[in-house]
Every structure is written in C-alpha cells, then in structure tokens.
Amino acid sequence: DRVKYDGSKYNVQVFVTTDDNKQLIYSVAAS
C-alpha cells in the first residue's frame, strides 16, 4: 500500500573478450 514502484527498464550488455593469456575477461554496460 501507498508505494509507487519505479518502472525503469535497463538493457544490459555483457562484453566478453580474452586477454593476452587467452583468459576470458568481461565488462558490463547498461542503458
């Protein structure tokens, strides 16, 4: 009761690449 919920929606991207040792690394971006 009496709570207005935040209706925001986010697109989330997880970028996965490899480093010099062929190990997976990642970064996250949102909009």
Full PDB file with SEQRES, HELIX, SHEET, SSBOND, CRYST1, ORIGX, SCALE, CONECT and MASTER records, all heavy atoms in Angstrom:
SEQRES   1 A   31  ASP ARG VAL LYS TYR ASP GLY SER LYS TYR ASN VAL GLN          
SEQRES   2 A   31  VAL PHE VAL THR THR ASP ASP ASN LYS GLN LEU ILE TYR          
SEQRES   3 A   31  SER VAL ALA ALA SER                                          
SHEET    1 AA1 2 VAL A  12  THR A  18  0                                        
SHEET    2 AA1 2 LEU A  24  ALA A  30 -1                                        
CRYST1    1.000    1.000    1.000  90.00  90.00  90.00 P 1           1          
ORIGX1      1.000000  0.000000  0.000000        0.00000                         
ORIGX2      0.000000  1.000000  0.000000        0.00000                         
ORIGX3      0.000000  0.000000  1.000000        0.00000                         
SCALE1      1.000000  0.000000  0.000000        0.00000                         
SCALE2      0.000000  1.000000  0.000000        0.00000                         
SCALE3      0.000000  0.000000  1.000000        0.00000                         
ATOM      1  N   ASP A   1       0.828  -1.211   0.000  1.00  0.00           N  
ATOM      2  CA  ASP A   1       0.000   0.000   0.000  1.00  0.00           C  
ATOM      3  C   ASP A   1       0.859   1.257   0.000  1.00  0.00           C  
ATOM      4  O   ASP A   1       1.893   1.338   0.668  1.00  0.00           O  
ATOM      5  CB  ASP A   1      -0.914   0.018   1.232  1.00  0.00           C  
ATOM      6  CG  ASP A   1      -1.982  -1.064   1.154  1.00  0.00           C  
ATOM      7  OD1 ASP A   1      -2.250  -1.531   0.031  1.00  0.00           O  
ATOM      8  OD2 ASP A   1      -2.525  -1.441   2.205  1.00  0.00           O  
ATOM      9  N   ARG A   2       0.401   2.247  -0.756  1.00  0.00           N  
ATOM     10  CA  ARG A   2       0.979   3.592  -0.818  1.00  0.00           C  
ATOM     11  C   ARG A   2       2.442   3.590  -1.266  1.00  0.00           C  
ATOM     12  O   ARG A   2       3.215   4.457  -0.874  1.00  0.00           O  
ATOM     13  CB  ARG A   2       0.825   4.294   0.532  1.00  0.00           C  
ATOM     14  CG  ARG A   2      -0.630   4.537   0.926  1.00  0.00           C  
ATOM     15  CD  ARG A   2      -0.749   5.534   2.041  1.00  0.00           C  
ATOM     16  NE  ARG A   2      -0.142   5.088   3.268  1.00  0.00           N  
ATOM     17  CZ  ARG A   2      -0.752   4.305   4.149  1.00  0.00           C  
ATOM     18  NH1 ARG A   2      -1.989   3.893   3.936  1.00  0.00           N  
ATOM     19  NH2 ARG A   2      -0.145   3.943   5.252  1.00  0.00           N  
ATOM     20  N   VAL A   3       2.829   2.616  -2.084  1.00  0.00           N  
ATOM     21  CA  VAL A   3       4.178   2.579  -2.649  1.00  0.00           C  
ATOM     22  C   VAL A   3       4.086   2.712  -4.168  1.00  0.00           C  
ATOM     23  O   VAL A   3       3.378   1.943  -4.816  1.00  0.00           O  
ATOM     24  CB  VAL A   3       4.927   1.281  -2.281  1.00  0.00           C  
ATOM     25  CG1 VAL A   3       6.278   1.231  -2.989  1.00  0.00           C  
ATOM     26  CG2 VAL A   3       5.126   1.199  -0.780  1.00  0.00           C  
ATOM     27  N   LYS A   4       4.771   3.694  -4.718  1.00  0.00           N  
ATOM     28  CA  LYS A   4       4.850   3.872  -6.162  1.00  0.00           C  
ATOM     29  C   LYS A   4       6.154   3.237  -6.638  1.00  0.00           C  
ATOM     30  O   LYS A   4       7.236   3.674  -6.278  1.00  0.00           O  
ATOM     31  CB  LYS A   4       4.816   5.358  -6.522  1.00  0.00           C  
ATOM     32  CG  LYS A   4       4.833   5.610  -8.018  1.00  0.00           C  
ATOM     33  CD  LYS A   4       4.778   7.107  -8.303  1.00  0.00           C  
ATOM     34  CE  LYS A   4       4.800   7.373  -9.797  1.00  0.00           C  
ATOM     35  NZ  LYS A   4       4.766   8.830 -10.091  1.00  0.00           N  
ATOM     36  N   TYR A   5       6.032   2.191  -7.460  1.00  0.00           N  
ATOM     37  CA  TYR A   5       7.199   1.413  -7.865  1.00  0.00           C  
ATOM     38  C   TYR A   5       7.873   2.022  -9.096  1.00  0.00           C  
ATOM     39  O   TYR A   5       7.201   2.478 -10.021  1.00  0.00           O  
ATOM     40  CB  TYR A   5       6.795  -0.034  -8.154  1.00  0.00           C  
ATOM     41  CG  TYR A   5       6.339  -0.775  -6.926  1.00  0.00           C  
ATOM     42  CD1 TYR A   5       5.000  -0.750  -6.517  1.00  0.00           C  
ATOM     43  CD2 TYR A   5       7.244  -1.491  -6.146  1.00  0.00           C  
ATOM     44  CE1 TYR A   5       4.582  -1.416  -5.378  1.00  0.00           C  
ATOM     45  CE2 TYR A   5       6.825  -2.170  -5.011  1.00  0.00           C  
ATOM     46  CZ  TYR A   5       5.504  -2.125  -4.632  1.00  0.00           C  
ATOM     47  OH  TYR A   5       5.092  -2.784  -3.503  1.00  0.00           O  
ATOM     48  N   ASP A   6       9.192   2.022  -9.053  1.00  0.00           N  
ATOM     49  CA  ASP A   6       9.984   2.537 -10.168  1.00  0.00           C  
ATOM     50  C   ASP A   6       9.861   1.572 -11.344  1.00  0.00           C  
ATOM     51  O   ASP A   6      10.239   0.410 -11.255  1.00  0.00           O  
ATOM     52  CB  ASP A   6      11.442   2.665  -9.721  1.00  0.00           C  
ATOM     53  CG  ASP A   6      12.308   3.375 -10.762  1.00  0.00           C  
ATOM     54  OD1 ASP A   6      11.864   3.508 -11.927  1.00  0.00           O  
ATOM     55  OD2 ASP A   6      13.422   3.783 -10.421  1.00  0.00           O  
ATOM     56  N   GLY A   7       9.331   2.058 -12.467  1.00  0.00           N  
ATOM     57  CA  GLY A   7       9.114   1.211 -13.632  1.00  0.00           C  
ATOM     58  C   GLY A   7      10.256   1.218 -14.636  1.00  0.00           C  
ATOM     59  O   GLY A   7      10.053   0.789 -15.775  1.00  0.00           O  
ATOM     60  N   SER A   8      11.435   1.673 -14.237  1.00  0.00           N  
ATOM     61  CA  SER A   8      12.570   1.733 -15.167  1.00  0.00           C  
ATOM     62  C   SER A   8      12.970   0.338 -15.636  1.00  0.00           C  
ATOM     63  O   SER A   8      12.952  -0.621 -14.864  1.00  0.00           O  
ATOM     64  CB  SER A   8      13.769   2.398 -14.494  1.00  0.00           C  
ATOM     65  OG  SER A   8      13.472   3.719 -14.103  1.00  0.00           O  
ATOM     66  N   LYS A   9      13.330   0.241 -16.928  1.00  0.00           N  
ATOM     67  CA  LYS A   9      13.847  -0.999 -17.501  1.00  0.00           C  
ATOM     68  C   LYS A   9      15.218  -0.719 -18.109  1.00  0.00           C  
ATOM     69  O   LYS A   9      15.412   0.322 -18.741  1.00  0.00           O  
ATOM     70  CB  LYS A   9      12.895  -1.561 -18.550  1.00  0.00           C  
ATOM     71  CG  LYS A   9      11.566  -2.033 -17.976  1.00  0.00           C  
ATOM     72  CD  LYS A   9      10.711  -2.703 -19.045  1.00  0.00           C  
ATOM     73  CE  LYS A   9       9.397  -3.225 -18.449  1.00  0.00           C  
ATOM     74  NZ  LYS A   9       8.572  -3.923 -19.455  1.00  0.00           N  
ATOM     75  N   TYR A  10      16.142  -1.657 -17.912  1.00  0.00           N  
ATOM     76  CA  TYR A  10      17.513  -1.459 -18.364  1.00  0.00           C  
ATOM     77  C   TYR A  10      17.915  -2.528 -19.378  1.00  0.00           C  
ATOM     78  O   TYR A  10      17.632  -3.714 -19.179  1.00  0.00           O  
ATOM     79  CB  TYR A  10      18.491  -1.532 -17.185  1.00  0.00           C  
ATOM     80  CG  TYR A  10      18.307  -0.438 -16.163  1.00  0.00           C  
ATOM     81  CD1 TYR A  10      17.447  -0.613 -15.069  1.00  0.00           C  
ATOM     82  CD2 TYR A  10      18.984   0.768 -16.273  1.00  0.00           C  
ATOM     83  CE1 TYR A  10      17.288   0.381 -14.125  1.00  0.00           C  
ATOM     84  CE2 TYR A  10      18.830   1.776 -15.326  1.00  0.00           C  
ATOM     85  CZ  TYR A  10      17.985   1.575 -14.258  1.00  0.00           C  
ATOM     86  OH  TYR A  10      17.816   2.564 -13.320  1.00  0.00           O  
ATOM     87  N   ASN A  11      18.548  -2.080 -20.463  1.00  0.00           N  
ATOM     88  CA  ASN A  11      19.230  -3.003 -21.365  1.00  0.00           C  
ATOM     89  C   ASN A  11      20.653  -3.183 -20.849  1.00  0.00           C  
ATOM     90  O   ASN A  11      21.388  -2.192 -20.705  1.00  0.00           O  
ATOM     91  CB  ASN A  11      19.261  -2.456 -22.793  1.00  0.00           C  
ATOM     92  CG  ASN A  11      17.898  -2.528 -23.460  1.00  0.00           C  
ATOM     93  OD1 ASN A  11      17.114  -3.439 -23.192  1.00  0.00           O  
ATOM     94  ND2 ASN A  11      17.611  -1.573 -24.327  1.00  0.00           N  
ATOM     95  N   VAL A  12      21.016  -4.414 -20.565  1.00  0.00           N  
ATOM     96  CA  VAL A  12      22.335  -4.705 -20.002  1.00  0.00           C  
ATOM     97  C   VAL A  12      23.138  -5.515 -21.017  1.00  0.00           C  
ATOM     98  O   VAL A  12      22.649  -6.527 -21.537  1.00  0.00           O  
ATOM     99  CB  VAL A  12      22.219  -5.476 -18.676  1.00  0.00           C  
ATOM    100  CG1 VAL A  12      23.606  -5.781 -18.116  1.00  0.00           C  
ATOM    101  CG2 VAL A  12      21.396  -4.678 -17.668  1.00  0.00           C  
ATOM    102  N   GLN A  13      24.353  -5.079 -21.300  1.00  0.00           N  
ATOM    103  CA  GLN A  13      25.250  -5.789 -22.206  1.00  0.00           C  
ATOM    104  C   GLN A  13      26.486  -6.264 -21.446  1.00  0.00           C  
ATOM    105  O   GLN A  13      27.130  -5.464 -20.755  1.00  0.00           O  
ATOM    106  CB  GLN A  13      25.674  -4.886 -23.369  1.00  0.00           C  
ATOM    107  CG  GLN A  13      24.542  -4.552 -24.325  1.00  0.00           C  
ATOM    108  CD  GLN A  13      24.998  -3.686 -25.484  1.00  0.00           C  
ATOM    109  OE1 GLN A  13      25.806  -2.785 -25.310  1.00  0.00           O  
ATOM    110  NE2 GLN A  13      24.492  -3.972 -26.677  1.00  0.00           N  
ATOM    111  N   VAL A  14      26.793  -7.539 -21.609  1.00  0.00           N  
ATOM    112  CA  VAL A  14      27.999  -8.121 -21.016  1.00  0.00           C  
ATOM    113  C   VAL A  14      28.972  -8.418 -22.166  1.00  0.00           C  
ATOM    114  O   VAL A  14      28.699  -9.291 -22.996  1.00  0.00           O  
ATOM    115  CB  VAL A  14      27.673  -9.399 -20.219  1.00  0.00           C  
ATOM    116  CG1 VAL A  14      28.951  -9.988 -19.614  1.00  0.00           C  
ATOM    117  CG2 VAL A  14      26.655  -9.095 -19.115  1.00  0.00           C  
ATOM    118  N   PHE A  15      30.060  -7.683 -22.213  1.00  0.00           N  
ATOM    119  CA  PHE A  15      31.061  -7.854 -23.272  1.00  0.00           C  
ATOM    120  C   PHE A  15      32.159  -8.792 -22.771  1.00  0.00           C  
ATOM    121  O   PHE A  15      32.820  -8.497 -21.765  1.00  0.00           O  
ATOM    122  CB  PHE A  15      31.672  -6.506 -23.662  1.00  0.00           C  
ATOM    123  CG  PHE A  15      30.666  -5.500 -24.140  1.00  0.00           C  
ATOM    124  CD1 PHE A  15      30.186  -4.516 -23.290  1.00  0.00           C  
ATOM    125  CD2 PHE A  15      30.206  -5.539 -25.444  1.00  0.00           C  
ATOM    126  CE1 PHE A  15      29.271  -3.581 -23.737  1.00  0.00           C  
ATOM    127  CE2 PHE A  15      29.284  -4.612 -25.905  1.00  0.00           C  
ATOM    128  CZ  PHE A  15      28.803  -3.640 -25.057  1.00  0.00           C  
ATOM    129  N   VAL A  16      32.357  -9.912 -23.471  1.00  0.00           N  
ATOM    130  CA  VAL A  16      33.356 -10.910 -23.058  1.00  0.00           C  
ATOM    131  C   VAL A  16      34.431 -11.027 -24.140  1.00  0.00           C  
ATOM    132  O   VAL A  16      34.119 -11.293 -25.307  1.00  0.00           O  
ATOM    133  CB  VAL A  16      32.699 -12.282 -22.802  1.00  0.00           C  
ATOM    134  CG1 VAL A  16      33.747 -13.296 -22.345  1.00  0.00           C  
ATOM    135  CG2 VAL A  16      31.592 -12.147 -21.756  1.00  0.00           C  
ATOM    136  N   THR A  17      35.682 -10.815 -23.757  1.00  0.00           N  
ATOM    137  CA  THR A  17      36.830 -10.956 -24.662  1.00  0.00           C  
ATOM    138  C   THR A  17      37.897 -11.788 -23.952  1.00  0.00           C  
ATOM    139  O   THR A  17      37.639 -12.362 -22.885  1.00  0.00           O  
ATOM    140  CB  THR A  17      37.392  -9.578 -25.045  1.00  0.00           C  
ATOM    141  OG1 THR A  17      37.783  -8.876 -23.842  1.00  0.00           O  
ATOM    142  CG2 THR A  17      36.349  -8.748 -25.772  1.00  0.00           C  
ATOM    143  N   THR A  18      39.094 -11.860 -24.557  1.00  0.00           N  
ATOM    144  CA  THR A  18      40.211 -12.601 -23.950  1.00  0.00           C  
ATOM    145  C   THR A  18      41.395 -11.669 -23.746  1.00  0.00           C  
ATOM    146  O   THR A  18      41.569 -10.676 -24.467  1.00  0.00           O  
ATOM    147  CB  THR A  18      40.638 -13.770 -24.837  1.00  0.00           C  
ATOM    148  OG1 THR A  18      41.019 -13.273 -26.129  1.00  0.00           O  
ATOM    149  CG2 THR A  18      39.499 -14.771 -25.002  1.00  0.00           C  
ATOM    150  N   ASP A  19      42.193 -11.993 -22.762  1.00  0.00           N  
ATOM    151  CA  ASP A  19      43.413 -11.224 -22.535  1.00  0.00           C  
ATOM    152  C   ASP A  19      44.584 -11.881 -23.268  1.00  0.00           C  
ATOM    153  O   ASP A  19      44.380 -12.809 -24.082  1.00  0.00           O  
ATOM    154  CB  ASP A  19      43.690 -11.112 -21.038  1.00  0.00           C  
ATOM    155  CG  ASP A  19      43.837 -12.461 -20.354  1.00  0.00           C  
ATOM    156  OD1 ASP A  19      43.991 -13.494 -21.061  1.00  0.00           O  
ATOM    157  OD2 ASP A  19      43.812 -12.503 -19.107  1.00  0.00           O  
ATOM    158  N   ASP A  20      45.795 -11.441 -22.999  1.00  0.00           N  
ATOM    159  CA  ASP A  20      46.975 -11.987 -23.679  1.00  0.00           C  
ATOM    160  C   ASP A  20      47.216 -13.448 -23.356  1.00  0.00           C  
ATOM    161  O   ASP A  20      47.888 -14.159 -24.125  1.00  0.00           O  
ATOM    162  CB  ASP A  20      48.211 -11.161 -23.302  1.00  0.00           C  
ATOM    163  CG  ASP A  20      48.113  -9.733 -23.798  1.00  0.00           C  
ATOM    164  OD1 ASP A  20      47.350  -9.506 -24.757  1.00  0.00           O  
ATOM    165  OD2 ASP A  20      48.779  -8.853 -23.214  1.00  0.00           O  
ATOM    166  N   ASN A  21      46.680 -13.895 -22.248  1.00  0.00           N  
ATOM    167  CA  ASN A  21      46.850 -15.296 -21.839  1.00  0.00           C  
ATOM    168  C   ASN A  21      45.666 -16.163 -22.246  1.00  0.00           C  
ATOM    169  O   ASN A  21      45.509 -17.265 -21.729  1.00  0.00           O  
ATOM    170  CB  ASN A  21      47.053 -15.378 -20.325  1.00  0.00           C  
ATOM    171  CG  ASN A  21      48.312 -14.663 -19.876  1.00  0.00           C  
ATOM    172  OD1 ASN A  21      49.353 -14.722 -20.545  1.00  0.00           O  
ATOM    173  ND2 ASN A  21      48.219 -13.965 -18.743  1.00  0.00           N  
ATOM    174  N   LYS A  22      44.853 -15.667 -23.144  1.00  0.00           N  
ATOM    175  CA  LYS A  22      43.680 -16.402 -23.621  1.00  0.00           C  
ATOM    176  C   LYS A  22      42.667 -16.685 -22.512  1.00  0.00           C  
ATOM    177  O   LYS A  22      41.907 -17.656 -22.585  1.00  0.00           O  
ATOM    178  CB  LYS A  22      44.107 -17.725 -24.288  1.00  0.00           C  
ATOM    179  CG  LYS A  22      44.997 -17.557 -25.504  1.00  0.00           C  
ATOM    180  CD  LYS A  22      44.269 -16.830 -26.622  1.00  0.00           C  
ATOM    181  CE  LYS A  22      45.148 -16.712 -27.857  1.00  0.00           C  
ATOM    182  NZ  LYS A  22      44.461 -15.975 -28.956  1.00  0.00           N  
ATOM    183  N   GLN A  23      42.646 -15.808 -21.504  1.00  0.00           N  
ATOM    184  CA  GLN A  23      41.673 -15.936 -20.432  1.00  0.00           C  
ATOM    185  C   GLN A  23      40.508 -14.975 -20.688  1.00  0.00           C  
ATOM    186  O   GLN A  23      40.697 -13.855 -21.168  1.00  0.00           O  
ATOM    187  CB  GLN A  23      42.319 -15.608 -19.079  1.00  0.00           C  
ATOM    188  CG  GLN A  23      43.460 -16.542 -18.693  1.00  0.00           C  
ATOM    189  CD  GLN A  23      42.985 -17.974 -18.532  1.00  0.00           C  
ATOM    190  OE1 GLN A  23      41.959 -18.235 -17.892  1.00  0.00           O  
ATOM    191  NE2 GLN A  23      43.732 -18.914 -19.097  1.00  0.00           N  
ATOM    192  N   LEU A  24      39.321 -15.435 -20.370  1.00  0.00           N  
ATOM    193  CA  LEU A  24      38.138 -14.610 -20.597  1.00  0.00           C  
ATOM    194  C   LEU A  24      38.095 -13.441 -19.611  1.00  0.00           C  
ATOM    195  O   LEU A  24      38.343 -13.610 -18.415  1.00  0.00           O  
ATOM    196  CB  LEU A  24      36.874 -15.449 -20.457  1.00  0.00           C  
ATOM    197  CG  LEU A  24      36.675 -16.571 -21.487  1.00  0.00           C  
ATOM    198  CD1 LEU A  24      35.415 -17.364 -21.153  1.00  0.00           C  
ATOM    199  CD2 LEU A  24      36.574 -16.002 -22.907  1.00  0.00           C  
ATOM    200  N   ILE A  25      37.779 -12.272 -20.122  1.00  0.00           N  
ATOM    201  CA  ILE A  25      37.548 -11.090 -19.297  1.00  0.00           C  
ATOM    202  C   ILE A  25      36.249 -10.438 -19.777  1.00  0.00           C  
ATOM    203  O   ILE A  25      35.801 -10.679 -20.902  1.00  0.00           O  
ATOM    204  CB  ILE A  25      38.715 -10.084 -19.384  1.00  0.00           C  
ATOM    205  CG1 ILE A  25      38.966  -9.672 -20.841  1.00  0.00           C  
ATOM    206  CG2 ILE A  25      39.974 -10.664 -18.763  1.00  0.00           C  
ATOM    207  CD1 ILE A  25      40.014  -8.595 -20.999  1.00  0.00           C  
ATOM    208  N   TYR A  26      35.632  -9.609 -18.917  1.00  0.00           N  
ATOM    209  CA  TYR A  26      34.337  -9.028 -19.306  1.00  0.00           C  
ATOM    210  C   TYR A  26      34.182  -7.611 -18.771  1.00  0.00           C  
ATOM    211  O   TYR A  26      34.887  -7.178 -17.846  1.00  0.00           O  
ATOM    212  CB  TYR A  26      33.200  -9.914 -18.800  1.00  0.00           C  
ATOM    213  CG  TYR A  26      32.893  -9.751 -17.325  1.00  0.00           C  
ATOM    214  CD1 TYR A  26      31.844  -8.932 -16.898  1.00  0.00           C  
ATOM    215  CD2 TYR A  26      33.641 -10.418 -16.350  1.00  0.00           C  
ATOM    216  CE1 TYR A  26      31.557  -8.780 -15.550  1.00  0.00           C  
ATOM    217  CE2 TYR A  26      33.364 -10.283 -15.009  1.00  0.00           C  
ATOM    218  CZ  TYR A  26      32.316  -9.461 -14.608  1.00  0.00           C  
ATOM    219  OH  TYR A  26      32.033  -9.302 -13.277  1.00  0.00           O  
ATOM    220  N   SER A  27      33.226  -6.913 -19.331  1.00  0.00           N  
ATOM    221  CA  SER A  27      32.793  -5.599 -18.849  1.00  0.00           C  
ATOM    222  C   SER A  27      31.283  -5.513 -19.035  1.00  0.00           C  
ATOM    223  O   SER A  27      30.709  -6.223 -19.870  1.00  0.00           O  
ATOM    224  CB  SER A  27      33.505  -4.466 -19.597  1.00  0.00           C  
ATOM    225  OG  SER A  27      33.192  -4.515 -20.978  1.00  0.00           O  
ATOM    226  N   VAL A  28      30.652  -4.641 -18.241  1.00  0.00           N  
ATOM    227  CA  VAL A  28      29.186  -4.512 -18.262  1.00  0.00           C  
ATOM    228  C   VAL A  28      28.811  -3.076 -18.593  1.00  0.00           C  
ATOM    229  O   VAL A  28      29.394  -2.128 -18.055  1.00  0.00           O  
ATOM    230  CB  VAL A  28      28.578  -4.928 -16.910  1.00  0.00           C  
ATOM    231  CG1 VAL A  28      27.062  -4.709 -16.914  1.00  0.00           C  
ATOM    232  CG2 VAL A  28      28.900  -6.378 -16.598  1.00  0.00           C  
ATOM    233  N   ALA A  29      27.844  -2.909 -19.481  1.00  0.00           N  
ATOM    234  CA  ALA A  29      27.293  -1.588 -19.807  1.00  0.00           C  
ATOM    235  C   ALA A  29      25.775  -1.666 -19.743  1.00  0.00           C  
ATOM    236  O   ALA A  29      25.179  -2.716 -20.015  1.00  0.00           O  
ATOM    237  CB  ALA A  29      27.749  -1.139 -21.190  1.00  0.00           C  
ATOM    238  N   ALA A  30      25.143  -0.545 -19.354  1.00  0.00           N  
ATOM    239  CA  ALA A  30      23.684  -0.520 -19.232  1.00  0.00           C  
ATOM    240  C   ALA A  30      23.135   0.773 -19.811  1.00  0.00           C  
ATOM    241  O   ALA A  30      23.811   1.808 -19.831  1.00  0.00           O  
ATOM    242  CB  ALA A  30      23.257  -0.666 -17.782  1.00  0.00           C  
ATOM    243  N   SER A  31      21.904   0.717 -20.270  1.00  0.00           N  
ATOM    244  CA  SER A  31      21.203   1.889 -20.782  1.00  0.00           C  
ATOM    245  C   SER A  31      19.714   1.721 -20.515  1.00  0.00           C  
ATOM    246  O   SER A  31      19.220   0.595 -20.352  1.00  0.00           O  
ATOM    247  CB  SER A  31      21.449   2.078 -22.281  1.00  0.00           C  
ATOM    248  OG  SER A  31      20.955   0.956 -23.007  1.00  0.00           O  
TER     249      SER A  31                                                      
MASTER        0    0    0    0    2    0    0    6  248    1    0    3          
END                                                                             
